[in-house]
C-alpha atoms as a PDB file:
ATOM      1  CA  MET A   1     110.738  90.773 100.199  1.00  0.00           C
ATOM      2  CA  ALA A   2     110.891  90.390  96.421  1.00  0.00           C
ATOM      3  CA  GLY A   3     107.074  90.481  96.132  1.00  0.00           C
ATOM      4  CA  VAL A   4     107.139  94.288  96.439  1.00  0.00           C
ATOM      5  CA  ASP A   5     110.029  94.845  94.012  1.00  0.00           C
ATOM      6  CA  GLY A   6     109.302  96.557  90.720  1.00  0.00           C
ATOM      7  CA  SER A   7     108.149  99.774  89.114  1.00  0.00           C
ATOM      8  CA  TYR A   8     104.654 101.177  89.622  1.00  0.00           C
ATOM      9  CA  ASN A   9     102.774 103.808  87.630  1.00  0.00           C
ATOM     10  CA  CYS A  10     101.195 105.777  90.487  1.00  0.00           C
ATOM     11  CA  VAL A  11      98.622 108.539  90.871  1.00  0.00           C
ATOM     12  CA  VAL A  12      98.163 110.670  93.988  1.00  0.00           C
ATOM     13  CA  LYS A  13      94.814 112.496  94.176  1.00  0.00           C
ATOM     14  CA  SER A  14      95.968 115.859  95.556  1.00  0.00           C
ATOM     15  CA  PRO A  15      94.344 119.315  95.787  1.00  0.00           C
ATOM     16  CA  LEU A  16      96.677 120.313  92.937  1.00  0.00           C
ATOM     17  CA  GLY A  17      95.126 117.603  90.734  1.00  0.00           C
ATOM     18  CA  ASP A  18      96.328 114.123  89.883  1.00  0.00           C
ATOM     19  CA  GLN A  19     100.065 113.784  90.504  1.00  0.00           C
ATOM     20  CA  LYS A  20     101.478 110.991  88.324  1.00  0.00           C
ATOM     21  CA  THR A  21     104.761 109.352  89.248  1.00  0.00           C
ATOM     22  CA  VAL A  22     106.711 106.173  88.663  1.00  0.00           C
ATOM     23  CA  LEU A  23     107.796 104.563  91.936  1.00  0.00           C
ATOM     24  CA  THR A  24     110.634 102.042  91.659  1.00  0.00           C
ATOM     25  CA  VAL A  25     111.217  99.700  94.604  1.00  0.00           C
ATOM     26  CA  LYS A  26     114.076  97.309  95.406  1.00  0.00           C
ATOM     27  CA  SER A  27     113.739  95.596  98.777  1.00  0.00           C
ATOM     28  CA  ASP A  28     116.517  94.302 101.015  1.00  0.00           C
ATOM     29  CA  GLY A  29     115.040  92.561 104.051  1.00  0.00           C
ATOM     30  CA  ALA A  30     113.002  95.026 106.111  1.00  0.00           C
ATOM     31  CA  ARG A  31     114.206  98.043 104.089  1.00  0.00           C
ATOM     32  CA  PHE A  32     113.777  99.242 100.520  1.00  0.00           C
ATOM     33  CA  SER A  33     115.340 101.836  98.245  1.00  0.00           C
ATOM     34  CA  GLY A  34     114.403 103.227  94.871  1.00  0.00           C
ATOM     35  CA  THR A  35     113.210 106.344  93.084  1.00  0.00           C
ATOM     36  CA  ASN A  36     110.040 108.332  92.634  1.00  0.00           C
ATOM     37  CA  ALA A  37     109.930 110.238  89.341  1.00  0.00           C
ATOM     38  CA  GLY A  38     107.267 112.609  88.069  1.00  0.00           C
ATOM     39  CA  ALA A  39     106.645 115.888  86.271  1.00  0.00           C
ATOM     40  CA  MET A  40     108.588 117.865  88.895  1.00  0.00           C
ATOM     41  CA  GLY A  41     111.661 115.633  88.757  1.00  0.00           C
ATOM     42  CA  SER A  42     113.033 112.493  90.356  1.00  0.00           C
ATOM     43  CA  MET A  43     114.173 111.741  93.886  1.00  0.00           C
ATOM     44  CA  ASP A  44     115.727 108.830  95.690  1.00  0.00           C
ATOM     45  CA  VAL A  45     113.457 107.182  98.242  1.00  0.00           C
ATOM     46  CA  ALA A  46     114.125 104.688 101.020  1.00  0.00           C
ATOM     47  CA  GLY A  47     111.997 103.249 103.761  1.00  0.00           C
ATOM     48  CA  ASP A  48     110.648 100.232 105.562  1.00  0.00           C
ATOM     49  CA  VAL A  49     109.042  97.009 104.332  1.00  0.00           C
ATOM     50  CA  ALA A  50     106.609  95.129 106.595  1.00  0.00           C
ATOM     51  CA  GLY A  51     105.180  92.174 104.693  1.00  0.00           C
ATOM     52  CA  THR A  52     103.692  93.798 101.585  1.00  0.00           C
ATOM     53  CA  THR A  53     103.459  97.307 103.091  1.00  0.00           C
ATOM     54  CA  LEU A  54     105.978 100.031 102.305  1.00  0.00           C
ATOM     55  CA  SER A  55     106.427 103.208 104.342  1.00  0.00           C
ATOM     56  CA  TRP A  56     108.722 106.144 103.577  1.00  0.00           C
ATOM     57  CA  LYS A  57     109.122 109.911 103.734  1.00  0.00           C
ATOM     58  CA  MET A  58     109.708 112.253 100.822  1.00  0.00           C
ATOM     59  CA  HIS A  59     111.239 115.682 101.351  1.00  0.00           C
ATOM     60  CA  LEU A  60     109.930 118.098  98.706  1.00  0.00           C
ATOM     61  CA  THR A  61     111.168 121.541  97.759  1.00  0.00           C
ATOM     62  CA  LEU A  62     108.656 122.170  94.924  1.00  0.00           C
ATOM     63  CA  PRO A  63     106.026 123.584  94.801  1.00  0.00           C
ATOM     64  CA  MET A  64     106.889 124.274  98.476  1.00  0.00           C
ATOM     65  CA  THR A  65     109.133 122.767 101.111  1.00  0.00           C
ATOM     66  CA  MET A  66     107.387 119.949 102.975  1.00  0.00           C
ATOM     67  CA  THR A  67     107.800 116.360 104.102  1.00  0.00           C
ATOM     68  CA  LEU A  68     105.319 113.777 102.862  1.00  0.00           C
ATOM     69  CA  ASP A  69     104.600 110.614 104.872  1.00  0.00           C
ATOM     70  CA  CYS A  70     103.850 107.800 102.423  1.00  0.00           C
ATOM     71  CA  GLU A  71     102.455 104.317 102.925  1.00  0.00           C
ATOM     72  CA  ALA A  72     101.499 101.772 100.285  1.00  0.00           C
ATOM     73  CA  THR A  73     100.421  98.155 100.258  1.00  0.00           C
ATOM     74  CA  ILE A  74     101.208  95.876  97.327  1.00  0.00           C
ATOM     75  CA  ASP A  75      98.645  93.227  96.362  1.00  0.00           C
ATOM     76  CA  GLY A  76      99.875  91.369  93.287  1.00  0.00           C
ATOM     77  CA  ASP A  77     100.401  94.098  90.688  1.00  0.00           C
ATOM     78  CA  THR A  78      98.250  96.692  92.492  1.00  0.00           C
ATOM     79  CA  LEU A  79      99.493  99.402  94.843  1.00  0.00           C
ATOM     80  CA  THR A  80      97.120 101.281  97.170  1.00  0.00           C
ATOM     81  CA  GLY A  81      98.041 103.742  99.850  1.00  0.00           C
ATOM     82  CA  LYS A  82      98.092 107.293 101.079  1.00  0.00           C
ATOM     83  CA  VAL A  83     100.320 110.333 101.160  1.00  0.00           C
ATOM     84  CA  GLY A  84     100.186 112.468 104.303  1.00  0.00           C
ATOM     85  CA  ALA A  85     100.951 116.148 103.798  1.00  0.00           C
ATOM     86  CA  GLY A  86     100.789 117.434 107.375  1.00  0.00           C
ATOM     87  CA  ALA A  87      98.284 120.265 107.820  1.00  0.00           C
ATOM     88  CA  PHE A  88      97.146 119.774 104.201  1.00  0.00           C
ATOM     89  CA  GLY A  89      95.681 116.366 105.001  1.00  0.00           C
ATOM     90  CA  SER A  90      96.112 112.915 103.513  1.00  0.00           C
ATOM     91  CA  PHE A  91      95.585 111.963  99.882  1.00  0.00           C
ATOM     92  CA  PRO A  92      94.876 108.568  98.284  1.00  0.00           C
ATOM     93  CA  MET A  93      97.549 106.927  96.140  1.00  0.00           C
ATOM     94  CA  SER A  94      97.022 104.087  93.666  1.00  0.00           C
ATOM     95  CA  GLY A  95      99.272 102.347  91.194  1.00  0.00           C
ATOM     96  CA  THR A  96      99.870  99.420  88.902  1.00  0.00           C
ATOM     97  CA  ARG A  97     103.096  97.450  88.461  1.00  0.00           C
ATOM     98  CA  THR A  98     104.666  97.987  85.052  1.00  0.00           C
ATOM     99  CA  ALA A  99     105.626  95.066  82.833  1.00  0.00           C
END
């Protein structure tokens, strides 16, 4: 679904402070691939597309090893969602599509 394709300047409100990243999405039917790049580096991401909602997992090694469950909904140029960090809870994510 091309409506979700693009790059988004994102912020996750975490206990470690605001985590800023750039999420790049390229959809292909019910799947998407891309990257998520921030201060701690860049990683490839891939997941599911359901309408305008994306869902994916990110496997981190810094600052500790953990898997994050991510979900975001695209509405025009706005991204809103959440990042689940297991026992650490869930944190809000927001973003804006870049030009």
